[in-house]
Amino acid sequence: MSVGGFSETKPATPEIQKIADQVKPELEKRTGEKYPDFDAISFRYQIVHGTNYLIKVSIKKSKDECVHLMVYQSLPCDQKDPSLTSYQTGKTKDDPLEPFH
């Protein structure tokens, strides 16, 4: 990983699923959709003053449909929940996780 760059793509962990679940209500509000299936598949991260996460989430198991989430997690001393910075819909499990804004 280059300084300031994103890590390599890694399989999602329970911690990443928790972060995705925390921003799910904001995603549903922004898209006007409900996501009964919401399973984090993979992620990348970038260390800043906190951490930026790029998370691939499966939203329809039967259709291979995914959404990419850009999430900011502030430093623990700030005591704030993760926030949804941006998102991309219409993705599949095969689409690479690439940074976006």
N, C-alpha and C. Protein backbone atom coordinates (compact mmCIF):
# COMPACT_ATOMS: atom_id res chain seq x y z
N MET A 1 0.84 -1.18 0.00
CA MET A 1 0.00 0.00 0.00
C MET A 1 0.89 1.24 0.00
N SER A 2 0.62 2.16 -0.92
CA SER A 2 1.39 3.38 -0.96
C SER A 2 0.89 4.34 0.11
N VAL A 3 1.75 5.24 0.54
CA VAL A 3 1.38 6.21 1.56
C VAL A 3 0.18 7.01 1.08
N GLY A 4 -0.87 7.03 1.89
CA GLY A 4 -2.08 7.76 1.54
C GLY A 4 -3.00 7.02 0.59
N GLY A 5 -2.56 5.86 0.08
CA GLY A 5 -3.37 5.11 -0.86
C GLY A 5 -4.23 4.07 -0.16
N PHE A 6 -5.07 3.41 -0.95
CA PHE A 6 -5.92 2.35 -0.42
C PHE A 6 -5.16 1.03 -0.37
N SER A 7 -5.54 0.20 0.59
CA SER A 7 -4.97 -1.14 0.73
C SER A 7 -5.42 -2.01 -0.44
N GLU A 8 -4.87 -3.20 -0.50
CA GLU A 8 -5.35 -4.21 -1.42
C GLU A 8 -6.74 -4.66 -0.96
N THR A 9 -7.51 -5.25 -1.86
CA THR A 9 -8.83 -5.75 -1.50
C THR A 9 -8.69 -6.98 -0.62
N LYS A 10 -9.47 -7.00 0.47
CA LYS A 10 -9.43 -8.10 1.43
C LYS A 10 -10.84 -8.63 1.66
N PRO A 11 -10.97 -9.88 2.08
CA PRO A 11 -12.31 -10.40 2.41
C PRO A 11 -12.89 -9.65 3.61
N ALA A 12 -14.19 -9.44 3.58
CA ALA A 12 -14.85 -8.72 4.67
C ALA A 12 -14.74 -9.52 5.97
N THR A 13 -14.66 -8.80 7.06
CA THR A 13 -14.58 -9.36 8.41
C THR A 13 -15.86 -9.00 9.16
N PRO A 14 -16.10 -9.60 10.33
CA PRO A 14 -17.26 -9.18 11.13
C PRO A 14 -17.25 -7.68 11.46
N GLU A 15 -16.08 -7.11 11.67
CA GLU A 15 -15.97 -5.67 11.95
C GLU A 15 -16.45 -4.85 10.74
N ILE A 16 -16.09 -5.27 9.53
CA ILE A 16 -16.51 -4.57 8.31
C ILE A 16 -18.02 -4.71 8.13
N GLN A 17 -18.57 -5.90 8.42
CA GLN A 17 -20.02 -6.08 8.33
C GLN A 17 -20.73 -5.13 9.30
N LYS A 18 -20.18 -4.97 10.49
CA LYS A 18 -20.77 -4.06 11.48
C LYS A 18 -20.78 -2.63 10.96
N ILE A 19 -19.69 -2.20 10.35
CA ILE A 19 -19.60 -0.85 9.79
C ILE A 19 -20.64 -0.68 8.68
N ALA A 20 -20.75 -1.67 7.80
CA ALA A 20 -21.74 -1.62 6.71
C ALA A 20 -23.15 -1.53 7.29
N ASP A 21 -23.43 -2.34 8.31
CA ASP A 21 -24.76 -2.33 8.94
C ASP A 21 -25.07 -0.96 9.56
N GLN A 22 -24.05 -0.29 10.09
CA GLN A 22 -24.27 1.01 10.72
C GLN A 22 -24.65 2.09 9.71
N VAL A 23 -24.17 1.99 8.46
CA VAL A 23 -24.49 3.00 7.45
C VAL A 23 -25.66 2.58 6.56
N LYS A 24 -26.16 1.36 6.73
CA LYS A 24 -27.27 0.87 5.91
C LYS A 24 -28.49 1.79 5.95
N PRO A 25 -28.94 2.27 7.13
CA PRO A 25 -30.11 3.16 7.14
C PRO A 25 -29.90 4.43 6.30
N GLU A 26 -28.70 4.98 6.31
CA GLU A 26 -28.41 6.18 5.51
C GLU A 26 -28.47 5.84 4.01
N LEU A 27 -27.92 4.68 3.63
CA LEU A 27 -27.98 4.25 2.24
C LEU A 27 -29.44 4.08 1.80
N GLU A 28 -30.24 3.43 2.63
CA GLU A 28 -31.65 3.22 2.29
C GLU A 28 -32.40 4.54 2.16
N LYS A 29 -32.05 5.50 3.01
CA LYS A 29 -32.67 6.82 2.94
C LYS A 29 -32.29 7.53 1.63
N ARG A 30 -31.01 7.47 1.28
CA ARG A 30 -30.54 8.15 0.07
C ARG A 30 -31.06 7.52 -1.22
N THR A 31 -31.16 6.18 -1.24
CA THR A 31 -31.58 5.50 -2.47
C THR A 31 -33.09 5.30 -2.55
N GLY A 32 -33.78 5.39 -1.41
CA GLY A 32 -35.21 5.12 -1.38
C GLY A 32 -35.52 3.64 -1.53
N GLU A 33 -34.55 2.79 -1.29
CA GLU A 33 -34.69 1.33 -1.41
C GLU A 33 -34.52 0.70 -0.03
N LYS A 34 -35.05 -0.51 0.12
CA LYS A 34 -34.81 -1.33 1.30
C LYS A 34 -33.93 -2.49 0.89
N TYR A 35 -33.00 -2.89 1.74
CA TYR A 35 -32.06 -3.95 1.42
C TYR A 35 -32.14 -5.05 2.48
N PRO A 36 -33.08 -6.02 2.29
CA PRO A 36 -33.17 -7.10 3.27
C PRO A 36 -31.92 -7.98 3.28
N ASP A 37 -31.27 -8.15 2.12
CA ASP A 37 -29.98 -8.83 2.04
C ASP A 37 -28.91 -7.75 2.03
N PHE A 38 -27.95 -7.83 2.94
CA PHE A 38 -26.93 -6.79 3.06
C PHE A 38 -25.67 -7.43 3.64
N ASP A 39 -24.92 -8.10 2.79
CA ASP A 39 -23.77 -8.88 3.24
C ASP A 39 -22.47 -8.34 2.68
N ALA A 40 -21.62 -7.82 3.56
CA ALA A 40 -20.31 -7.32 3.13
C ALA A 40 -19.49 -8.48 2.57
N ILE A 41 -18.88 -8.25 1.40
CA ILE A 41 -18.09 -9.28 0.72
C ILE A 41 -16.59 -9.00 0.84
N SER A 42 -16.21 -7.76 0.53
CA SER A 42 -14.80 -7.40 0.54
C SER A 42 -14.66 -5.92 0.87
N PHE A 43 -13.42 -5.51 1.13
CA PHE A 43 -13.18 -4.11 1.48
C PHE A 43 -11.75 -3.71 1.20
N ARG A 44 -11.56 -2.41 1.14
CA ARG A 44 -10.25 -1.78 1.10
C ARG A 44 -10.29 -0.66 2.13
N TYR A 45 -9.15 -0.21 2.59
CA TYR A 45 -9.13 0.89 3.54
C TYR A 45 -8.00 1.86 3.24
N GLN A 46 -8.16 3.07 3.75
CA GLN A 46 -7.17 4.13 3.59
C GLN A 46 -7.07 4.86 4.93
N ILE A 47 -5.86 4.93 5.46
CA ILE A 47 -5.65 5.63 6.72
C ILE A 47 -5.51 7.12 6.44
N VAL A 48 -6.37 7.89 7.07
CA VAL A 48 -6.33 9.35 7.00
C VAL A 48 -6.43 9.82 8.45
N HIS A 49 -7.02 10.95 8.73
CA HIS A 49 -7.30 11.31 10.12
C HIS A 49 -8.56 10.54 10.50
N GLY A 50 -8.38 9.24 10.70
CA GLY A 50 -9.45 8.26 10.80
C GLY A 50 -9.20 7.24 9.70
N THR A 51 -10.25 6.58 9.23
CA THR A 51 -10.10 5.58 8.19
C THR A 51 -11.22 5.68 7.17
N ASN A 52 -10.86 5.68 5.89
CA ASN A 52 -11.84 5.56 4.82
C ASN A 52 -11.94 4.08 4.47
N TYR A 53 -13.16 3.58 4.38
CA TYR A 53 -13.39 2.20 3.95
C TYR A 53 -14.15 2.21 2.64
N LEU A 54 -13.75 1.35 1.75
CA LEU A 54 -14.46 1.09 0.51
C LEU A 54 -14.95 -0.35 0.65
N ILE A 55 -16.28 -0.53 0.70
CA ILE A 55 -16.86 -1.83 1.04
C ILE A 55 -17.80 -2.30 -0.07
N LYS A 56 -17.60 -3.53 -0.52
CA LYS A 56 -18.51 -4.15 -1.49
C LYS A 56 -19.54 -4.96 -0.70
N VAL A 57 -20.83 -4.66 -0.94
CA VAL A 57 -21.92 -5.32 -0.21
C VAL A 57 -22.87 -5.98 -1.20
N SER A 58 -23.15 -7.26 -0.97
CA SER A 58 -24.14 -7.98 -1.77
C SER A 58 -25.52 -7.58 -1.27
N ILE A 59 -26.39 -7.11 -2.21
CA ILE A 59 -27.72 -6.66 -1.80
C ILE A 59 -28.84 -7.55 -2.33
N LYS A 60 -28.53 -8.41 -3.28
CA LYS A 60 -29.53 -9.34 -3.80
C LYS A 60 -28.84 -10.65 -4.11
N LYS A 61 -28.98 -11.61 -3.22
CA LYS A 61 -28.27 -12.89 -3.37
C LYS A 61 -28.65 -13.60 -4.66
N SER A 62 -29.90 -13.49 -5.06
CA SER A 62 -30.34 -14.22 -6.25
C SER A 62 -29.90 -13.58 -7.56
N LYS A 63 -29.45 -12.33 -7.51
CA LYS A 63 -29.13 -11.61 -8.76
C LYS A 63 -27.68 -11.13 -8.84
N ASP A 64 -26.84 -11.49 -7.87
CA ASP A 64 -25.44 -11.09 -7.92
C ASP A 64 -25.28 -9.57 -7.92
N GLU A 65 -26.25 -8.85 -7.34
CA GLU A 65 -26.22 -7.39 -7.35
C GLU A 65 -25.53 -6.86 -6.09
N CYS A 66 -24.67 -5.88 -6.29
CA CYS A 66 -23.90 -5.31 -5.18
C CYS A 66 -23.98 -3.78 -5.20
N VAL A 67 -23.60 -3.21 -4.09
CA VAL A 67 -23.42 -1.78 -3.97
C VAL A 67 -22.02 -1.56 -3.38
N HIS A 68 -21.35 -0.50 -3.81
CA HIS A 68 -20.06 -0.13 -3.25
C HIS A 68 -20.29 1.07 -2.33
N LEU A 69 -19.77 0.97 -1.12
CA LEU A 69 -19.93 2.02 -0.12
C LEU A 69 -18.58 2.68 0.18
N MET A 70 -18.58 3.99 0.28
CA MET A 70 -17.42 4.72 0.78
C MET A 70 -17.83 5.23 2.16
N VAL A 71 -17.12 4.77 3.18
CA VAL A 71 -17.49 5.05 4.57
C VAL A 71 -16.29 5.66 5.29
N TYR A 72 -16.55 6.70 6.07
CA TYR A 72 -15.51 7.32 6.88
C TYR A 72 -15.73 6.96 8.34
N GLN A 73 -14.68 6.45 8.99
CA GLN A 73 -14.71 6.17 10.42
C GLN A 73 -13.69 7.07 11.10
N SER A 74 -14.18 7.97 11.94
CA SER A 74 -13.27 8.90 12.63
C SER A 74 -12.44 8.14 13.67
N LEU A 75 -11.48 8.82 14.23
CA LEU A 75 -10.62 8.23 15.25
C LEU A 75 -11.45 7.86 16.48
N PRO A 76 -11.05 6.80 17.20
CA PRO A 76 -11.81 6.39 18.39
C PRO A 76 -12.01 7.51 19.41
N CYS A 77 -11.03 8.39 19.54
CA CYS A 77 -11.15 9.48 20.52
C CYS A 77 -12.26 10.46 20.16
N ASP A 78 -12.69 10.48 18.90
CA ASP A 78 -13.78 11.37 18.48
C ASP A 78 -15.15 10.82 18.86
N GLN A 79 -15.22 9.52 19.16
CA GLN A 79 -16.45 8.85 19.59
C GLN A 79 -17.64 9.13 18.66
N LYS A 80 -17.43 8.93 17.35
CA LYS A 80 -18.49 9.11 16.36
C LYS A 80 -18.72 7.81 15.62
N ASP A 81 -19.96 7.60 15.17
CA ASP A 81 -20.29 6.44 14.36
C ASP A 81 -19.74 6.63 12.95
N PRO A 82 -19.57 5.53 12.21
CA PRO A 82 -19.14 5.65 10.81
C PRO A 82 -20.18 6.43 10.01
N SER A 83 -19.71 7.13 8.97
CA SER A 83 -20.65 7.90 8.14
C SER A 83 -20.47 7.49 6.67
N LEU A 84 -21.60 7.41 5.97
CA LEU A 84 -21.61 7.08 4.55
C LEU A 84 -21.21 8.32 3.77
N THR A 85 -20.07 8.26 3.11
CA THR A 85 -19.57 9.38 2.34
C THR A 85 -20.18 9.39 0.94
N SER A 86 -20.21 8.20 0.32
CA SER A 86 -20.70 8.07 -1.04
C SER A 86 -21.04 6.61 -1.30
N TYR A 87 -21.70 6.35 -2.43
CA TYR A 87 -22.04 4.98 -2.78
C TYR A 87 -22.21 4.86 -4.29
N GLN A 88 -22.10 3.63 -4.78
CA GLN A 88 -22.35 3.33 -6.20
C GLN A 88 -23.25 2.10 -6.25
N THR A 89 -24.36 2.20 -6.98
CA THR A 89 -25.27 1.08 -7.15
C THR A 89 -25.03 0.43 -8.51
N GLY A 90 -25.72 -0.66 -8.78
CA GLY A 90 -25.61 -1.33 -10.08
C GLY A 90 -24.32 -2.08 -10.27
N LYS A 91 -23.70 -2.47 -9.19
CA LYS A 91 -22.44 -3.22 -9.26
C LYS A 91 -22.71 -4.72 -9.16
N THR A 92 -21.74 -5.54 -9.56
CA THR A 92 -21.83 -6.99 -9.41
C THR A 92 -20.67 -7.47 -8.55
N LYS A 93 -20.70 -8.74 -8.20
CA LYS A 93 -19.62 -9.31 -7.38
C LYS A 93 -18.28 -9.28 -8.10
N ASP A 94 -18.31 -9.22 -9.43
CA ASP A 94 -17.07 -9.22 -10.21
C ASP A 94 -16.47 -7.83 -10.42
N ASP A 95 -17.23 -6.77 -10.12
CA ASP A 95 -16.70 -5.41 -10.30
C ASP A 95 -15.62 -5.14 -9.26
N PRO A 96 -14.46 -4.60 -9.69
CA PRO A 96 -13.40 -4.30 -8.74
C PRO A 96 -13.77 -3.13 -7.83
N LEU A 97 -13.22 -3.16 -6.63
CA LEU A 97 -13.41 -2.05 -5.68
C LEU A 97 -12.39 -0.97 -6.01
N GLU A 98 -12.85 0.09 -6.63
CA GLU A 98 -11.98 1.20 -7.00
C GLU A 98 -12.44 2.45 -6.28
N PRO A 99 -11.53 3.27 -5.78
CA PRO A 99 -11.91 4.50 -5.10
C PRO A 99 -12.78 5.40 -6.00
N PHE A 100 -13.74 6.08 -5.39
CA PHE A 100 -14.63 7.01 -6.08
C PHE A 100 -15.05 8.08 -5.07
N HIS A 101 -15.71 9.10 -5.57
CA HIS A 101 -16.20 10.16 -4.67
C HIS A 101 -17.65 10.43 -4.93
